[in-house]
Amino acid sequence: MQDQGTALIKFSEAELECLVNSLYITTSLKVPTENNGDWKTPYRMLLKEVEGINYQLKEKKRDFINDTKSDYQTPEKKCDVCED
């Protein structure tokens, strides 16, 4: 497995959800085969990895939204009144 390369693939959030759904459907199929469903193993592994990526994406998005909200909710600094 060490001689395998990696590729950067860009997905939108909707495309990632579609990929998760497709992999879930593929792994939950009941197909009679001689190898007793061993053909599903790479798809299960890929589904687990894609679900992890999807979770990370949602967490980053949630963190960004929470950071933005906290910026709006912080009270403004008030100036001290100068005495002349």
N, C-alpha and C. Protein backbone atom coordinates (compact mmCIF):
# COMPACT_ATOMS: atom_id res chain seq x y z
N MET A 1 0.81 -1.20 0.00
CA MET A 1 0.00 0.00 0.00
C MET A 1 0.85 1.26 0.00
N GLN A 2 2.13 1.18 0.31
CA GLN A 2 2.98 2.35 0.38
C GLN A 2 3.28 2.93 -0.99
N ASP A 3 3.17 2.14 -2.03
CA ASP A 3 3.48 2.64 -3.37
C ASP A 3 2.28 3.33 -4.03
N GLN A 4 1.18 3.51 -3.28
CA GLN A 4 0.01 4.19 -3.83
C GLN A 4 0.15 5.69 -3.64
N GLY A 5 -0.29 6.43 -4.63
CA GLY A 5 -0.25 7.88 -4.55
C GLY A 5 -1.55 8.44 -4.02
N THR A 6 -1.57 9.74 -3.83
CA THR A 6 -2.79 10.42 -3.39
C THR A 6 -3.14 11.49 -4.40
N ALA A 7 -4.39 11.91 -4.38
CA ALA A 7 -4.86 12.95 -5.28
C ALA A 7 -5.73 13.92 -4.51
N LEU A 8 -5.65 15.17 -4.85
CA LEU A 8 -6.50 16.21 -4.26
C LEU A 8 -7.74 16.34 -5.13
N ILE A 9 -8.89 16.07 -4.52
CA ILE A 9 -10.16 16.15 -5.24
C ILE A 9 -11.04 17.15 -4.51
N LYS A 10 -11.60 18.10 -5.24
CA LYS A 10 -12.45 19.12 -4.62
C LYS A 10 -13.91 18.75 -4.83
N PHE A 11 -14.65 18.71 -3.73
CA PHE A 11 -16.07 18.42 -3.74
C PHE A 11 -16.81 19.55 -3.05
N SER A 12 -18.01 19.83 -3.51
CA SER A 12 -18.87 20.74 -2.76
C SER A 12 -19.50 19.95 -1.62
N GLU A 13 -20.12 20.65 -0.70
CA GLU A 13 -20.76 19.95 0.42
C GLU A 13 -21.87 19.03 -0.06
N ALA A 14 -22.63 19.47 -1.06
CA ALA A 14 -23.72 18.65 -1.61
C ALA A 14 -23.17 17.41 -2.31
N GLU A 15 -22.07 17.56 -3.03
CA GLU A 15 -21.46 16.42 -3.71
C GLU A 15 -20.92 15.41 -2.71
N LEU A 16 -20.38 15.91 -1.62
CA LEU A 16 -19.86 15.02 -0.58
C LEU A 16 -21.01 14.23 0.07
N GLU A 17 -22.13 14.89 0.32
CA GLU A 17 -23.30 14.20 0.86
C GLU A 17 -23.80 13.13 -0.11
N CYS A 18 -23.81 13.45 -1.38
CA CYS A 18 -24.24 12.49 -2.41
C CYS A 18 -23.31 11.28 -2.44
N LEU A 19 -22.01 11.52 -2.32
CA LEU A 19 -21.03 10.44 -2.30
C LEU A 19 -21.25 9.54 -1.08
N VAL A 20 -21.48 10.14 0.08
CA VAL A 20 -21.74 9.36 1.29
C VAL A 20 -22.98 8.50 1.10
N ASN A 21 -24.04 9.10 0.59
CA ASN A 21 -25.29 8.34 0.36
C ASN A 21 -25.08 7.20 -0.63
N SER A 22 -24.36 7.45 -1.70
CA SER A 22 -24.12 6.42 -2.71
C SER A 22 -23.30 5.26 -2.13
N LEU A 23 -22.28 5.59 -1.36
CA LEU A 23 -21.47 4.54 -0.75
C LEU A 23 -22.27 3.75 0.29
N TYR A 24 -23.13 4.43 1.03
CA TYR A 24 -23.96 3.74 2.00
C TYR A 24 -24.90 2.76 1.31
N ILE A 25 -25.52 3.21 0.23
CA ILE A 25 -26.42 2.34 -0.52
C ILE A 25 -25.66 1.14 -1.09
N THR A 26 -24.48 1.40 -1.62
CA THR A 26 -23.67 0.33 -2.19
C THR A 26 -23.29 -0.72 -1.14
N THR A 27 -22.92 -0.26 0.04
CA THR A 27 -22.50 -1.21 1.08
C THR A 27 -23.66 -1.92 1.74
N SER A 28 -24.87 -1.40 1.60
CA SER A 28 -26.01 -2.06 2.22
C SER A 28 -26.78 -2.97 1.26
N LEU A 29 -26.29 -3.11 0.04
CA LEU A 29 -26.94 -4.00 -0.93
C LEU A 29 -26.83 -5.46 -0.49
N LYS A 30 -27.86 -6.21 -0.77
CA LYS A 30 -27.85 -7.65 -0.51
C LYS A 30 -27.72 -8.35 -1.86
N VAL A 31 -26.49 -8.71 -2.21
CA VAL A 31 -26.23 -9.36 -3.49
C VAL A 31 -25.61 -10.73 -3.20
N PRO A 32 -26.24 -11.80 -3.70
CA PRO A 32 -25.66 -13.13 -3.46
C PRO A 32 -24.40 -13.31 -4.32
N THR A 33 -23.28 -13.52 -3.65
CA THR A 33 -22.02 -13.75 -4.36
C THR A 33 -21.30 -14.92 -3.72
N GLU A 34 -20.29 -15.42 -4.42
CA GLU A 34 -19.52 -16.55 -3.92
C GLU A 34 -18.63 -16.16 -2.74
N ASN A 35 -18.13 -14.92 -2.75
CA ASN A 35 -17.19 -14.51 -1.70
C ASN A 35 -17.89 -13.89 -0.49
N ASN A 36 -19.21 -14.07 -0.38
CA ASN A 36 -19.97 -13.67 0.80
C ASN A 36 -19.87 -12.19 1.13
N GLY A 37 -19.86 -11.33 0.13
CA GLY A 37 -19.88 -9.89 0.34
C GLY A 37 -18.52 -9.25 0.57
N ASP A 38 -17.45 -9.98 0.32
CA ASP A 38 -16.11 -9.40 0.50
C ASP A 38 -15.84 -8.27 -0.49
N TRP A 39 -16.57 -8.21 -1.57
CA TRP A 39 -16.38 -7.15 -2.55
C TRP A 39 -16.75 -5.78 -1.97
N LYS A 40 -17.50 -5.78 -0.86
CA LYS A 40 -17.93 -4.51 -0.25
C LYS A 40 -16.84 -3.88 0.61
N THR A 41 -15.83 -4.62 0.98
CA THR A 41 -14.82 -4.14 1.92
C THR A 41 -14.18 -2.81 1.50
N PRO A 42 -13.70 -2.65 0.26
CA PRO A 42 -13.12 -1.35 -0.10
C PRO A 42 -14.14 -0.21 -0.04
N TYR A 43 -15.39 -0.51 -0.35
CA TYR A 43 -16.43 0.52 -0.31
C TYR A 43 -16.73 0.92 1.13
N ARG A 44 -16.71 -0.06 2.04
CA ARG A 44 -16.92 0.25 3.46
C ARG A 44 -15.79 1.13 3.99
N MET A 45 -14.56 0.81 3.61
CA MET A 45 -13.41 1.61 4.05
C MET A 45 -13.51 3.03 3.50
N LEU A 46 -13.87 3.14 2.23
CA LEU A 46 -14.02 4.46 1.61
C LEU A 46 -15.15 5.25 2.27
N LEU A 47 -16.25 4.58 2.57
CA LEU A 47 -17.38 5.23 3.25
C LEU A 47 -16.94 5.77 4.60
N LYS A 48 -16.19 4.99 5.34
CA LYS A 48 -15.71 5.44 6.66
C LYS A 48 -14.83 6.68 6.52
N GLU A 49 -13.94 6.69 5.54
CA GLU A 49 -13.06 7.83 5.33
C GLU A 49 -13.84 9.07 4.88
N VAL A 50 -14.78 8.89 3.97
CA VAL A 50 -15.56 10.02 3.46
C VAL A 50 -16.47 10.59 4.56
N GLU A 51 -17.02 9.71 5.40
CA GLU A 51 -17.82 10.21 6.52
C GLU A 51 -16.96 11.04 7.47
N GLY A 52 -15.72 10.62 7.68
CA GLY A 52 -14.80 11.40 8.51
C GLY A 52 -14.51 12.76 7.91
N ILE A 53 -14.29 12.80 6.61
CA ILE A 53 -14.06 14.08 5.91
C ILE A 53 -15.29 14.96 6.01
N ASN A 54 -16.45 14.38 5.83
CA ASN A 54 -17.71 15.13 5.91
C ASN A 54 -17.89 15.71 7.31
N TYR A 55 -17.58 14.93 8.34
CA TYR A 55 -17.67 15.40 9.72
C TYR A 55 -16.71 16.57 9.95
N GLN A 56 -15.47 16.44 9.48
CA GLN A 56 -14.49 17.50 9.65
C GLN A 56 -14.95 18.78 8.95
N LEU A 57 -15.52 18.65 7.76
CA LEU A 57 -16.01 19.81 7.03
C LEU A 57 -17.12 20.51 7.81
N LYS A 58 -18.05 19.73 8.36
CA LYS A 58 -19.15 20.32 9.12
C LYS A 58 -18.64 20.99 10.39
N GLU A 59 -17.65 20.39 11.04
CA GLU A 59 -17.08 21.00 12.25
C GLU A 59 -16.39 22.33 11.93
N LYS A 60 -15.62 22.35 10.84
CA LYS A 60 -14.95 23.59 10.43
C LYS A 60 -15.99 24.68 10.13
N LYS A 61 -17.05 24.29 9.44
CA LYS A 61 -18.11 25.25 9.09
C LYS A 61 -18.80 25.76 10.36
N ARG A 62 -19.06 24.85 11.30
CA ARG A 62 -19.69 25.23 12.56
C ARG A 62 -18.78 26.16 13.37
N ASP A 63 -17.49 25.84 13.41
CA ASP A 63 -16.53 26.71 14.11
C ASP A 63 -16.49 28.09 13.49
N PHE A 64 -16.49 28.16 12.17
CA PHE A 64 -16.46 29.45 11.48
C PHE A 64 -17.71 30.26 11.81
N ILE A 65 -18.86 29.60 11.79
CA ILE A 65 -20.11 30.29 12.11
C ILE A 65 -20.10 30.77 13.55
N ASN A 66 -19.63 29.93 14.47
CA ASN A 66 -19.57 30.32 15.89
C ASN A 66 -18.59 31.46 16.11
N ASP A 67 -17.46 31.44 15.42
CA ASP A 67 -16.49 32.53 15.54
C ASP A 67 -17.09 33.83 15.02
N THR A 68 -17.82 33.76 13.93
CA THR A 68 -18.45 34.95 13.36
C THR A 68 -19.50 35.50 14.30
N LYS A 69 -20.29 34.62 14.92
CA LYS A 69 -21.32 35.07 15.85
C LYS A 69 -20.69 35.73 17.06
N SER A 70 -19.61 35.18 17.54
CA SER A 70 -18.99 35.77 18.73
C SER A 70 -18.43 37.15 18.43
N ASP A 71 -18.00 37.40 17.20
CA ASP A 71 -17.53 38.73 16.83
C ASP A 71 -18.67 39.74 16.87
N TYR A 72 -19.85 39.34 16.46
CA TYR A 72 -20.99 40.24 16.46
C TYR A 72 -21.52 40.47 17.88
N GLN A 73 -21.32 39.52 18.75
CA GLN A 73 -21.90 39.60 20.08
C GLN A 73 -20.98 40.28 21.11
N THR A 74 -19.75 40.52 20.76
CA THR A 74 -18.85 41.16 21.71
C THR A 74 -19.23 42.63 21.85
N PRO A 75 -19.28 43.11 23.08
CA PRO A 75 -19.65 44.52 23.26
C PRO A 75 -18.54 45.43 22.76
N GLU A 76 -18.96 46.57 22.27
CA GLU A 76 -17.99 47.54 21.76
C GLU A 76 -17.27 48.21 22.94
N LYS A 77 -16.02 48.56 22.74
CA LYS A 77 -15.27 49.25 23.77
C LYS A 77 -15.76 50.70 23.82
N LYS A 78 -15.97 51.15 25.03
CA LYS A 78 -16.45 52.52 25.22
C LYS A 78 -15.25 53.42 25.52
N CYS A 79 -15.30 54.60 25.00
CA CYS A 79 -14.23 55.57 25.22
C CYS A 79 -14.43 56.23 26.59
N ASP A 80 -13.32 56.51 27.25
CA ASP A 80 -13.38 57.26 28.49
C ASP A 80 -13.63 58.73 28.14
N VAL A 81 -14.41 59.39 28.95
CA VAL A 81 -14.71 60.79 28.73
C VAL A 81 -13.49 61.62 29.11
N CYS A 82 -13.06 62.43 28.20
CA CYS A 82 -11.89 63.29 28.44
C CYS A 82 -12.34 64.55 29.16
N GLU A 83 -11.59 64.96 30.16
CA GLU A 83 -11.90 66.21 30.85
C GLU A 83 -11.00 67.30 30.31
N ASP A 84 -11.57 68.38 29.89
CA ASP A 84 -10.78 69.50 29.35
C ASP A 84 -10.59 70.58 30.36
